[in-house]
Amino acid sequence: MSRFLSAALCALFVCSMTSADAKAASDAKAGKAIYDTNCATCHKDGVMNAPKLGDKAAWAPRIKQGIAVLNSNSIKGFKGKVGMMMPKGGNPKLTDAQIGDAVAYIVQVSK
């Protein structure tokens, strides 16, 4: 019974991740407006070493980590070896869903 429960939980987790990726991709269009009004401040010109929108080489290793990591770093903030990002890009009024939409847009343009 324990193995069955573990397998079921793993399957549920995998399905939920797949759904999150599908949702993120479908909301990329909505994310453009969030990007334009919030994220472009840094990601257009590389402020604080932010990877520029559309820079495939800069985004490739980040995208490889997965959408969940990108969303988490964008929501909670991130300090890397060469740059940093404030939580929610410095706009605490943005919802987690709005951040996810913007991340989906950035990923779509930067693949």
PDB file of N, CA and C in Angstrom:
ATOM      1  N   MET A   1       0.817  -1.192   0.000  1.00  0.00           N
ATOM      2  CA  MET A   1       0.000   0.000   0.000  1.00  0.00           C
ATOM      3  C   MET A   1       0.863   1.259   0.000  1.00  0.00           C
ATOM      4  N   SER A   2       1.960   1.230   0.755  1.00  0.00           N
ATOM      5  CA  SER A   2       2.835   2.381   0.837  1.00  0.00           C
ATOM      6  C   SER A   2       3.467   2.697  -0.521  1.00  0.00           C
ATOM      7  N   ARG A   3       3.874   1.674  -1.260  1.00  0.00           N
ATOM      8  CA  ARG A   3       4.453   1.888  -2.591  1.00  0.00           C
ATOM      9  C   ARG A   3       3.414   2.471  -3.538  1.00  0.00           C
ATOM     10  N   PHE A   4       2.191   1.975  -3.425  1.00  0.00           N
ATOM     11  CA  PHE A   4       1.120   2.493  -4.266  1.00  0.00           C
ATOM     12  C   PHE A   4       0.897   3.980  -3.978  1.00  0.00           C
ATOM     13  N   LEU A   5       0.863   4.343  -2.720  1.00  0.00           N
ATOM     14  CA  LEU A   5       0.656   5.732  -2.330  1.00  0.00           C
ATOM     15  C   LEU A   5       1.811   6.602  -2.825  1.00  0.00           C
ATOM     16  N   SER A   6       3.034   6.123  -2.669  1.00  0.00           N
ATOM     17  CA  SER A   6       4.195   6.871  -3.151  1.00  0.00           C
ATOM     18  C   SER A   6       4.137   7.076  -4.652  1.00  0.00           C
ATOM     19  N   ALA A   7       3.797   6.025  -5.374  1.00  0.00           N
ATOM     20  CA  ALA A   7       3.697   6.127  -6.835  1.00  0.00           C
ATOM     21  C   ALA A   7       2.596   7.108  -7.236  1.00  0.00           C
ATOM     22  N   ALA A   8       1.484   7.054  -6.524  1.00  0.00           N
ATOM     23  CA  ALA A   8       0.375   7.954  -6.832  1.00  0.00           C
ATOM     24  C   ALA A   8       0.768   9.407  -6.572  1.00  0.00           C
ATOM     25  N   LEU A   9       1.458   9.660  -5.483  1.00  0.00           N
ATOM     26  CA  LEU A   9       1.899  11.017  -5.176  1.00  0.00           C
ATOM     27  C   LEU A   9       2.904  11.520  -6.207  1.00  0.00           C
ATOM     28  N   CYS A  10       3.815  10.652  -6.626  1.00  0.00           N
ATOM     29  CA  CYS A  10       4.786  11.033  -7.661  1.00  0.00           C
ATOM     30  C   CYS A  10       4.071  11.360  -8.968  1.00  0.00           C
ATOM     31  N   ALA A  11       3.102  10.544  -9.348  1.00  0.00           N
ATOM     32  CA  ALA A  11       2.347  10.788 -10.576  1.00  0.00           C
ATOM     33  C   ALA A  11       1.587  12.111 -10.483  1.00  0.00           C
ATOM     34  N   LEU A  12       0.999  12.375  -9.333  1.00  0.00           N
ATOM     35  CA  LEU A  12       0.278  13.628  -9.132  1.00  0.00           C
ATOM     36  C   LEU A  12       1.212  14.824  -9.252  1.00  0.00           C
ATOM     37  N   PHE A  13       2.397  14.704  -8.680  1.00  0.00           N
ATOM     38  CA  PHE A  13       3.387  15.778  -8.755  1.00  0.00           C
ATOM     39  C   PHE A  13       3.788  16.039 -10.199  1.00  0.00           C
ATOM     40  N   VAL A  14       4.091  14.975 -10.942  1.00  0.00           N
ATOM     41  CA  VAL A  14       4.495  15.113 -12.342  1.00  0.00           C
ATOM     42  C   VAL A  14       3.375  15.763 -13.153  1.00  0.00           C
ATOM     43  N   CYS A  15       2.151  15.341 -12.934  1.00  0.00           N
ATOM     44  CA  CYS A  15       1.011  15.935 -13.646  1.00  0.00           C
ATOM     45  C   CYS A  15       0.846  17.403 -13.296  1.00  0.00           C
ATOM     46  N   SER A  16       1.043  17.750 -12.040  1.00  0.00           N
ATOM     47  CA  SER A  16       0.884  19.149 -11.644  1.00  0.00           C
ATOM     48  C   SER A  16       1.975  20.008 -12.261  1.00  0.00           C
ATOM     49  N   MET A  17       3.177  19.485 -12.395  1.00  0.00           N
ATOM     50  CA  MET A  17       4.261  20.233 -13.025  1.00  0.00           C
ATOM     51  C   MET A  17       3.968  20.423 -14.508  1.00  0.00           C
ATOM     52  N   THR A  18       3.459  19.401 -15.151  1.00  0.00           N
ATOM     53  CA  THR A  18       3.113  19.502 -16.556  1.00  0.00           C
ATOM     54  C   THR A  18       2.025  20.549 -16.746  1.00  0.00           C
ATOM     55  N   SER A  19       1.038  20.566 -15.879  1.00  0.00           N
ATOM     56  CA  SER A  19      -0.036  21.547 -15.971  1.00  0.00           C
ATOM     57  C   SER A  19       0.501  22.954 -15.747  1.00  0.00           C
ATOM     58  N   ALA A  20       1.423  23.111 -14.827  1.00  0.00           N
ATOM     59  CA  ALA A  20       1.994  24.429 -14.570  1.00  0.00           C
ATOM     60  C   ALA A  20       2.754  24.924 -15.784  1.00  0.00           C
ATOM     61  N   ASP A  21       3.512  24.047 -16.435  1.00  0.00           N
ATOM     62  CA  ASP A  21       4.244  24.443 -17.628  1.00  0.00           C
ATOM     63  C   ASP A  21       3.285  24.818 -18.748  1.00  0.00           C
ATOM     64  N   ALA A  22       2.217  24.055 -18.916  1.00  0.00           N
ATOM     65  CA  ALA A  22       1.244  24.348 -19.952  1.00  0.00           C
ATOM     66  C   ALA A  22       0.545  25.675 -19.673  1.00  0.00           C
ATOM     67  N   LYS A  23       0.188  25.917 -18.409  1.00  0.00           N
ATOM     68  CA  LYS A  23      -0.464  27.164 -18.049  1.00  0.00           C
ATOM     69  C   LYS A  23       0.475  28.334 -18.294  1.00  0.00           C
ATOM     70  N   ALA A  24       1.738  28.191 -17.900  1.00  0.00           N
ATOM     71  CA  ALA A  24       2.697  29.270 -18.086  1.00  0.00           C
ATOM     72  C   ALA A  24       2.826  29.622 -19.559  1.00  0.00           C
ATOM     73  N   ALA A  25       2.878  28.606 -20.405  1.00  0.00           N
ATOM     74  CA  ALA A  25       3.005  28.857 -21.833  1.00  0.00           C
ATOM     75  C   ALA A  25       1.772  29.568 -22.374  1.00  0.00           C
ATOM     76  N   SER A  26       0.601  29.216 -21.882  1.00  0.00           N
ATOM     77  CA  SER A  26      -0.625  29.827 -22.390  1.00  0.00           C
ATOM     78  C   SER A  26      -0.806  31.250 -21.889  1.00  0.00           C
ATOM     79  N   ASP A  27      -0.113  31.647 -20.847  1.00  0.00           N
ATOM     80  CA  ASP A  27      -0.253  32.988 -20.297  1.00  0.00           C
ATOM     81  C   ASP A  27       0.879  33.930 -20.726  1.00  0.00           C
ATOM     82  N   ALA A  28       1.715  33.471 -21.629  1.00  0.00           N
ATOM     83  CA  ALA A  28       2.837  34.298 -22.073  1.00  0.00           C
ATOM     84  C   ALA A  28       2.356  35.599 -22.705  1.00  0.00           C
ATOM     85  N   LYS A  29       1.243  35.549 -23.398  1.00  0.00           N
ATOM     86  CA  LYS A  29       0.705  36.756 -24.037  1.00  0.00           C
ATOM     87  C   LYS A  29       0.333  37.792 -22.974  1.00  0.00           C
ATOM     88  N   ALA A  30      -0.313  37.349 -21.900  1.00  0.00           N
ATOM     89  CA  ALA A  30      -0.655  38.257 -20.806  1.00  0.00           C
ATOM     90  C   ALA A  30       0.601  38.780 -20.117  1.00  0.00           C
ATOM     91  N   GLY A  31       1.649  37.974 -20.111  1.00  0.00           N
ATOM     92  CA  GLY A  31       2.897  38.361 -19.458  1.00  0.00           C
ATOM     93  C   GLY A  31       3.610  39.509 -20.131  1.00  0.00           C
ATOM     94  N   LYS A  32       3.359  39.736 -21.417  1.00  0.00           N
ATOM     95  CA  LYS A  32       4.024  40.831 -22.125  1.00  0.00           C
ATOM     96  C   LYS A  32       3.690  42.178 -21.480  1.00  0.00           C
ATOM     97  N   ALA A  33       2.444  42.378 -21.109  1.00  0.00           N
ATOM     98  CA  ALA A  33       2.047  43.643 -20.473  1.00  0.00           C
ATOM     99  C   ALA A  33       2.753  43.820 -19.133  1.00  0.00           C
ATOM    100  N   ILE A  34       2.859  42.736 -18.371  1.00  0.00           N
ATOM    101  CA  ILE A  34       3.572  42.799 -17.080  1.00  0.00           C
ATOM    102  C   ILE A  34       5.050  43.103 -17.332  1.00  0.00           C
ATOM    103  N   TYR A  35       5.633  42.407 -18.311  1.00  0.00           N
ATOM    104  CA  TYR A  35       7.042  42.648 -18.658  1.00  0.00           C
ATOM    105  C   TYR A  35       7.244  44.116 -19.043  1.00  0.00           C
ATOM    106  N   ASP A  36       6.410  44.611 -19.952  1.00  0.00           N
ATOM    107  CA  ASP A  36       6.578  45.978 -20.454  1.00  0.00           C
ATOM    108  C   ASP A  36       6.520  47.026 -19.349  1.00  0.00           C
ATOM    109  N   THR A  37       5.640  46.824 -18.370  1.00  0.00           N
ATOM    110  CA  THR A  37       5.474  47.845 -17.326  1.00  0.00           C
ATOM    111  C   THR A  37       6.349  47.633 -16.097  1.00  0.00           C
ATOM    112  N   ASN A  38       6.935  46.439 -15.946  1.00  0.00           N
ATOM    113  CA  ASN A  38       7.706  46.171 -14.733  1.00  0.00           C
ATOM    114  C   ASN A  38       9.105  45.621 -15.016  1.00  0.00           C
ATOM    115  N   CYS A  39       9.185  44.564 -15.767  1.00  0.00           N
ATOM    116  CA  CYS A  39      10.434  43.819 -15.936  1.00  0.00           C
ATOM    117  C   CYS A  39      11.419  44.487 -16.893  1.00  0.00           C
ATOM    118  N   ALA A  40      10.878  45.204 -17.886  1.00  0.00           N
ATOM    119  CA  ALA A  40      11.731  45.823 -18.898  1.00  0.00           C
ATOM    120  C   ALA A  40      12.701  46.830 -18.288  1.00  0.00           C
ATOM    121  N   THR A  41      12.327  47.376 -17.148  1.00  0.00           N
ATOM    122  CA  THR A  41      13.195  48.354 -16.480  1.00  0.00           C
ATOM    123  C   THR A  41      14.615  47.810 -16.345  1.00  0.00           C
ATOM    124  N   CYS A  42      14.744  46.542 -16.018  1.00  0.00           N
ATOM    125  CA  CYS A  42      16.078  45.935 -15.872  1.00  0.00           C
ATOM    126  C   CYS A  42      16.436  45.021 -17.047  1.00  0.00           C
ATOM    127  N   HIS A  43      15.470  44.242 -17.527  1.00  0.00           N
ATOM    128  CA  HIS A  43      15.785  43.216 -18.522  1.00  0.00           C
ATOM    129  C   HIS A  43      15.917  43.752 -19.943  1.00  0.00           C
ATOM    130  N   LYS A  44      15.542  44.986 -20.182  1.00  0.00           N
ATOM    131  CA  LYS A  44      15.735  45.565 -21.516  1.00  0.00           C
ATOM    132  C   LYS A  44      17.198  45.946 -21.728  1.00  0.00           C
ATOM    133  N   ASP A  45      17.811  46.568 -20.717  1.00  0.00           N
ATOM    134  CA  ASP A  45      19.172  47.075 -20.842  1.00  0.00           C
ATOM    135  C   ASP A  45      20.203  46.348 -19.985  1.00  0.00           C
ATOM    136  N   GLY A  46      19.791  45.329 -19.242  1.00  0.00           N
ATOM    137  CA  GLY A  46      20.736  44.566 -18.429  1.00  0.00           C
ATOM    138  C   GLY A  46      21.134  45.240 -17.124  1.00  0.00           C
ATOM    139  N   VAL A  47      20.234  46.031 -16.560  1.00  0.00           N
ATOM    140  CA  VAL A  47      20.505  46.703 -15.282  1.00  0.00           C
ATOM    141  C   VAL A  47      20.789  45.647 -14.211  1.00  0.00           C
ATOM    142  N   MET A  48      21.766  45.881 -13.372  1.00  0.00           N
ATOM    143  CA  MET A  48      22.189  44.955 -12.310  1.00  0.00           C
ATOM    144  C   MET A  48      22.519  43.566 -12.880  1.00  0.00           C
ATOM    145  N   ASN A  49      23.047  43.565 -14.099  1.00  0.00           N
ATOM    146  CA  ASN A  49      23.429  42.329 -14.802  1.00  0.00           C
ATOM    147  C   ASN A  49      22.246  41.406 -15.084  1.00  0.00           C
ATOM    148  N   ALA A  50      21.057  41.968 -15.179  1.00  0.00           N
ATOM    149  CA  ALA A  50      19.883  41.165 -15.544  1.00  0.00           C
ATOM    150  C   ALA A  50      20.074  40.663 -16.976  1.00  0.00           C
ATOM    151  N   PRO A  51      19.750  39.397 -17.228  1.00  0.00           N
ATOM    152  CA  PRO A  51      19.844  38.911 -18.609  1.00  0.00           C
ATOM    153  C   PRO A  51      18.827  39.650 -19.486  1.00  0.00           C
ATOM    154  N   LYS A  52      19.275  40.113 -20.635  1.00  0.00           N
ATOM    155  CA  LYS A  52      18.411  40.890 -21.518  1.00  0.00           C
ATOM    156  C   LYS A  52      17.385  39.990 -22.210  1.00  0.00           C
ATOM    157  N   LEU A  53      16.203  40.542 -22.397  1.00  0.00           N
ATOM    158  CA  LEU A  53      15.137  39.840 -23.095  1.00  0.00           C
ATOM    159  C   LEU A  53      15.637  39.442 -24.480  1.00  0.00           C
ATOM    160  N   GLY A  54      15.465  38.174 -24.820  1.00  0.00           N
ATOM    161  CA  GLY A  54      15.855  37.681 -26.133  1.00  0.00           C
ATOM    162  C   GLY A  54      17.294  37.214 -26.239  1.00  0.00           C
ATOM    163  N   ASP A  55      18.101  37.410 -25.212  1.00  0.00           N
ATOM    164  CA  ASP A  55      19.500  36.968 -25.227  1.00  0.00           C
ATOM    165  C   ASP A  55      19.534  35.463 -24.956  1.00  0.00           C
ATOM    166  N   LYS A  56      19.496  34.703 -26.029  1.00  0.00           N
ATOM    167  CA  LYS A  56      19.391  33.247 -25.918  1.00  0.00           C
ATOM    168  C   LYS A  56      20.538  32.629 -25.116  1.00  0.00           C
ATOM    169  N   ALA A  57      21.752  33.121 -25.310  1.00  0.00           N
ATOM    170  CA  ALA A  57      22.908  32.566 -24.595  1.00  0.00           C
ATOM    171  C   ALA A  57      22.800  32.817 -23.088  1.00  0.00           C
ATOM    172  N   ALA A  58      22.341  33.995 -22.709  1.00  0.00           N
ATOM    173  CA  ALA A  58      22.222  34.324 -21.283  1.00  0.00           C
ATOM    174  C   ALA A  58      21.066  33.564 -20.634  1.00  0.00           C
ATOM    175  N   TRP A  59      19.995  33.354 -21.373  1.00  0.00           N
ATOM    176  CA  TRP A  59      18.810  32.714 -20.818  1.00  0.00           C
ATOM    177  C   TRP A  59      18.866  31.194 -20.843  1.00  0.00           C
ATOM    178  N   ALA A  60      19.625  30.608 -21.751  1.00  0.00           N
ATOM    179  CA  ALA A  60      19.632  29.144 -21.908  1.00  0.00           C
ATOM    180  C   ALA A  60      19.882  28.392 -20.601  1.00  0.00           C
ATOM    181  N   PRO A  61      20.939  28.722 -19.836  1.00  0.00           N
ATOM    182  CA  PRO A  61      21.149  27.968 -18.591  1.00  0.00           C
ATOM    183  C   PRO A  61      20.053  28.214 -17.553  1.00  0.00           C
ATOM    184  N   ARG A  62      19.451  29.372 -17.589  1.00  0.00           N
ATOM    185  CA  ARG A  62      18.361  29.672 -16.651  1.00  0.00           C
ATOM    186  C   ARG A  62      17.110  28.888 -17.036  1.00  0.00           C
ATOM    187  N   ILE A  63      16.792  28.894 -18.318  1.00  0.00           N
ATOM    188  CA  ILE A  63      15.617  28.164 -18.804  1.00  0.00           C
ATOM    189  C   ILE A  63      15.776  26.675 -18.554  1.00  0.00           C
ATOM    190  N   LYS A  64      16.999  26.191 -18.669  1.00  0.00           N
ATOM    191  CA  LYS A  64      17.275  24.764 -18.442  1.00  0.00           C
ATOM    192  C   LYS A  64      16.911  24.344 -17.016  1.00  0.00           C
ATOM    193  N   GLN A  65      16.969  25.263 -16.060  1.00  0.00           N
ATOM    194  CA  GLN A  65      16.628  24.955 -14.663  1.00  0.00           C
ATOM    195  C   GLN A  65      15.136  24.689 -14.489  1.00  0.00           C
ATOM    196  N   GLY A  66      14.332  25.156 -15.419  1.00  0.00           N
ATOM    197  CA  GLY A  66      12.897  24.918 -15.360  1.00  0.00           C
ATOM    198  C   GLY A  66      12.105  26.141 -14.957  1.00  0.00           C
ATOM    199  N   ILE A  67      10.874  26.155 -15.393  1.00  0.00           N
ATOM    200  CA  ILE A  67       9.985  27.287 -15.146  1.00  0.00           C
ATOM    201  C   ILE A  67       9.703  27.477 -13.661  1.00  0.00           C
ATOM    202  N   ALA A  68       9.666  26.383 -12.899  1.00  0.00           N
ATOM    203  CA  ALA A  68       9.391  26.492 -11.463  1.00  0.00           C
ATOM    204  C   ALA A  68      10.500  27.265 -10.753  1.00  0.00           C
ATOM    205  N   VAL A  69      11.744  27.010 -11.119  1.00  0.00           N
ATOM    206  CA  VAL A  69      12.882  27.714 -10.513  1.00  0.00           C
ATOM    207  C   VAL A  69      12.862  29.189 -10.921  1.00  0.00           C
ATOM    208  N   LEU A  70      12.603  29.445 -12.194  1.00  0.00           N
ATOM    209  CA  LEU A  70      12.538  30.833 -12.652  1.00  0.00           C
ATOM    210  C   LEU A  70      11.430  31.601 -11.927  1.00  0.00           C
ATOM    211  N   ASN A  71      10.270  30.976 -11.801  1.00  0.00           N
ATOM    212  CA  ASN A  71       9.170  31.627 -11.084  1.00  0.00           C
ATOM    213  C   ASN A  71       9.543  31.889  -9.633  1.00  0.00           C
ATOM    214  N   SER A  72      10.112  30.885  -8.972  1.00  0.00           N
ATOM    215  CA  SER A  72      10.486  31.032  -7.566  1.00  0.00           C
ATOM    216  C   SER A  72      11.505  32.156  -7.379  1.00  0.00           C
ATOM    217  N   ASN A  73      12.527  32.174  -8.226  1.00  0.00           N
ATOM    218  CA  ASN A  73      13.551  33.218  -8.122  1.00  0.00           C
ATOM    219  C   ASN A  73      12.955  34.600  -8.381  1.00  0.00           C
ATOM    220  N   SER A  74      12.007  34.662  -9.296  1.00  0.00           N
ATOM    221  CA  SER A  74      11.387  35.946  -9.625  1.00  0.00           C
ATOM    222  C   SER A  74      10.467  36.430  -8.513  1.00  0.00           C
ATOM    223  N   ILE A  75       9.814  35.508  -7.861  1.00  0.00           N
ATOM    224  CA  ILE A  75       8.895  35.865  -6.770  1.00  0.00           C
ATOM    225  C   ILE A  75       9.658  36.196  -5.488  1.00  0.00           C
ATOM    226  N   LYS A  76      10.611  35.352  -5.141  1.00  0.00           N
ATOM    227  CA  LYS A  76      11.332  35.504  -3.869  1.00  0.00           C
ATOM    228  C   LYS A  76      12.548  36.412  -3.959  1.00  0.00           C
ATOM    229  N   GLY A  77      13.025  36.638  -5.169  1.00  0.00           N
ATOM    230  CA  GLY A  77      14.260  37.383  -5.355  1.00  0.00           C
ATOM    231  C   GLY A  77      15.419  36.417  -5.509  1.00  0.00           C
ATOM    232  N   PHE A  78      16.532  36.940  -6.018  1.00  0.00           N
ATOM    233  CA  PHE A  78      17.659  36.068  -6.323  1.00  0.00           C
ATOM    234  C   PHE A  78      18.938  36.881  -6.317  1.00  0.00           C
ATOM    235  N   LYS A  79      19.981  36.293  -5.774  1.00  0.00           N
ATOM    236  CA  LYS A  79      21.314  36.901  -5.836  1.00  0.00           C
ATOM    237  C   LYS A  79      22.256  35.857  -6.400  1.00  0.00           C
ATOM    238  N   GLY A  80      22.770  36.122  -7.588  1.00  0.00           N
ATOM    239  CA  GLY A  80      23.675  35.191  -8.259  1.00  0.00           C
ATOM    240  C   GLY A  80      25.110  35.658  -8.165  1.00  0.00           C
ATOM    241  N   LYS A  81      25.975  35.011  -8.913  1.00  0.00           N
ATOM    242  CA  LYS A  81      27.403  35.363  -8.910  1.00  0.00           C
ATOM    243  C   LYS A  81      27.651  36.718  -9.556  1.00  0.00           C
ATOM    244  N   VAL A  82      26.834  37.066 -10.551  1.00  0.00           N
ATOM    245  CA  VAL A  82      27.075  38.313 -11.277  1.00  0.00           C
ATOM    246  C   VAL A  82      25.921  39.305 -11.227  1.00  0.00           C
ATOM    247  N   GLY A  83      24.811  38.936 -10.645  1.00  0.00           N
ATOM    248  CA  GLY A  83      23.679  39.850 -10.624  1.00  0.00           C
ATOM    249  C   GLY A  83      22.698  39.507  -9.521  1.00  0.00           C
ATOM    250  N   MET A  84      21.646  40.293  -9.470  1.00  0.00           N
ATOM    251  CA  MET A  84      20.615  40.040  -8.466  1.00  0.00           C
ATOM    252  C   MET A  84      19.278  40.536  -8.967  1.00  0.00           C
ATOM    253  N   MET A  85      18.226  40.025  -8.343  1.00  0.00           N
ATOM    254  CA  MET A  85      16.874  40.472  -8.643  1.00  0.00           C
ATOM    255  C   MET A  85      16.127  40.622  -7.336  1.00  0.00           C
ATOM    256  N   MET A  86      15.478  41.745  -7.193  1.00  0.00           N
ATOM    257  CA  MET A  86      14.668  41.969  -6.001  1.00  0.00           C
ATOM    258  C   MET A  86      13.410  41.111  -6.089  1.00  0.00           C
ATOM    259  N   PRO A  87      12.827  40.733  -4.954  1.00  0.00           N
ATOM    260  CA  PRO A  87      11.575  39.977  -4.999  1.00  0.00           C
ATOM    261  C   PRO A  87      10.532  40.708  -5.851  1.00  0.00           C
ATOM    262  N   LYS A  88       9.884  39.951  -6.724  1.00  0.00           N
ATOM    263  CA  LYS A  88       8.860  40.477  -7.628  1.00  0.00           C
ATOM    264  C   LYS A  88       9.365  41.684  -8.409  1.00  0.00           C
ATOM    265  N   GLY A  89      10.651  41.682  -8.701  1.00  0.00           N
ATOM    266  CA  GLY A  89      11.222  42.771  -9.484  1.00  0.00           C
ATOM    267  C   GLY A  89      11.103  44.127  -8.820  1.00  0.00           C
ATOM    268  N   GLY A  90      10.915  44.120  -7.516  1.00  0.00           N
ATOM    269  CA  GLY A  90      10.778  45.371  -6.778  1.00  0.00           C
ATOM    270  C   GLY A  90       9.349  45.903  -6.724  1.00  0.00           C
ATOM    271  N   ASN A  91       8.396  45.157  -7.250  1.00  0.00           N
ATOM    272  CA  ASN A  91       6.999  45.595  -7.212  1.00  0.00           C
ATOM    273  C   ASN A  91       6.177  44.588  -6.413  1.00  0.00           C
ATOM    274  N   PRO A  92       6.062  44.783  -5.098  1.00  0.00           N
ATOM    275  CA  PRO A  92       5.347  43.821  -4.259  1.00  0.00           C
ATOM    276  C   PRO A  92       3.851  43.723  -4.558  1.00  0.00           C
ATOM    277  N   LYS A  93       3.314  44.644  -5.354  1.00  0.00           N
ATOM    278  CA  LYS A  93       1.894  44.601  -5.697  1.00  0.00           C
ATOM    279  C   LYS A  93       1.585  43.523  -6.738  1.00  0.00           C
ATOM    280  N   LEU A  94       2.609  43.047  -7.441  1.00  0.00           N
ATOM    281  CA  LEU A  94       2.378  41.999  -8.437  1.00  0.00           C
ATOM    282  C   LEU A  94       2.023  40.690  -7.745  1.00  0.00           C
ATOM    283  N   THR A  95       1.081  39.975  -8.314  1.00  0.00           N
ATOM    284  CA  THR A  95       0.719  38.666  -7.769  1.00  0.00           C
ATOM    285  C   THR A  95       1.701  37.617  -8.296  1.00  0.00           C
ATOM    286  N   ASP A  96       1.726  36.480  -7.636  1.00  0.00           N
ATOM    287  CA  ASP A  96       2.568  35.382  -8.105  1.00  0.00           C
ATOM    288  C   ASP A  96       2.165  34.960  -9.519  1.00  0.00           C
ATOM    289  N   ALA A  97       0.869  35.002  -9.813  1.00  0.00           N
ATOM    290  CA  ALA A  97       0.389  34.634 -11.150  1.00  0.00           C
ATOM    291  C   ALA A  97       0.898  35.628 -12.201  1.00  0.00           C
ATOM    292  N   GLN A  98       0.905  36.901 -11.868  1.00  0.00           N
ATOM    293  CA  GLN A  98       1.421  37.901 -12.804  1.00  0.00           C
ATOM    294  C   GLN A  98       2.907  37.694 -13.058  1.00  0.00           C
ATOM    295  N   ILE A  99       3.640  37.376 -12.001  1.00  0.00           N
ATOM    296  CA  ILE A  99       5.068  37.082 -12.165  1.00  0.00           C
ATOM    297  C   ILE A  99       5.237  35.869 -13.072  1.00  0.00           C
ATOM    298  N   GLY A 100       4.433  34.841 -12.847  1.00  0.00           N
ATOM    299  CA  GLY A 100       4.494  33.647 -13.692  1.00  0.00           C
ATOM    300  C   GLY A 100       4.202  33.959 -15.148  1.00  0.00           C
ATOM    301  N   ASP A 101       3.244  34.840 -15.387  1.00  0.00           N
ATOM    302  CA  ASP A 101       2.927  35.244 -16.758  1.00  0.00           C
ATOM    303  C   ASP A 101       4.121  35.955 -17.395  1.00  0.00           C
ATOM    304  N   ALA A 102       4.744  36.860 -16.645  1.00  0.00           N
ATOM    305  CA  ALA A 102       5.896  37.591 -17.174  1.00  0.00           C
ATOM    306  C   ALA A 102       7.058  36.641 -17.447  1.00  0.00           C
ATOM    307  N   VAL A 103       7.292  35.702 -16.552  1.00  0.00           N
ATOM    308  CA  VAL A 103       8.357  34.713 -16.750  1.00  0.00           C
ATOM    309  C   VAL A 103       8.078  33.894 -18.009  1.00  0.00           C
ATOM    310  N   ALA A 104       6.825  33.478 -18.196  1.00  0.00           N
ATOM    311  CA  ALA A 104       6.455  32.711 -19.385  1.00  0.00           C
ATOM    312  C   ALA A 104       6.742  33.514 -20.649  1.00  0.00           C
ATOM    313  N   TYR A 105       6.438  34.797 -20.622  1.00  0.00           N
ATOM    314  CA  TYR A 105       6.708  35.663 -21.776  1.00  0.00           C
ATOM    315  C   TYR A 105       8.207  35.757 -22.038  1.00  0.00           C
ATOM    316  N   ILE A 106       8.973  36.018 -20.993  1.00  0.00           N
ATOM    317  CA  ILE A 106      10.423  36.153 -21.142  1.00  0.00           C
ATOM    318  C   ILE A 106      11.024  34.866 -21.698  1.00  0.00           C
ATOM    319  N   VAL A 107      10.592  33.732 -21.170  1.00  0.00           N
ATOM    320  CA  VAL A 107      11.101  32.436 -21.648  1.00  0.00           C
ATOM    321  C   VAL A 107      10.745  32.232 -23.111  1.00  0.00           C
ATOM    322  N   GLN A 108       9.509  32.534 -23.472  1.00  0.00           N
ATOM    323  CA  GLN A 108       9.061  32.358 -24.857  1.00  0.00           C
ATOM    324  C   GLN A 108       9.906  33.186 -25.826  1.00  0.00           C
ATOM    325  N   VAL A 109      10.195  34.422 -25.471  1.00  0.00           N
ATOM    326  CA  VAL A 109      10.957  35.309 -26.341  1.00  0.00           C
ATOM    327  C   VAL A 109      12.449  34.957 -26.332  1.00  0.00           C
ATOM    328  N   SER A 110      12.913  34.371 -25.258  1.00  0.00           N
ATOM    329  CA  SER A 110      14.353  34.163 -25.079  1.00  0.00           C
ATOM    330  C   SER A 110      14.830  32.741 -25.378  1.00  0.00           C
ATOM    331  N   LYS A 111      13.963  31.888 -25.874  1.00  0.00           N
ATOM    332  CA  LYS A 111      14.365  30.516 -26.232  1.00  0.00           C
ATOM    333  C   LYS A 111      15.119  30.511 -27.544  1.00  0.00           C
TER     334      LYS A 111
END
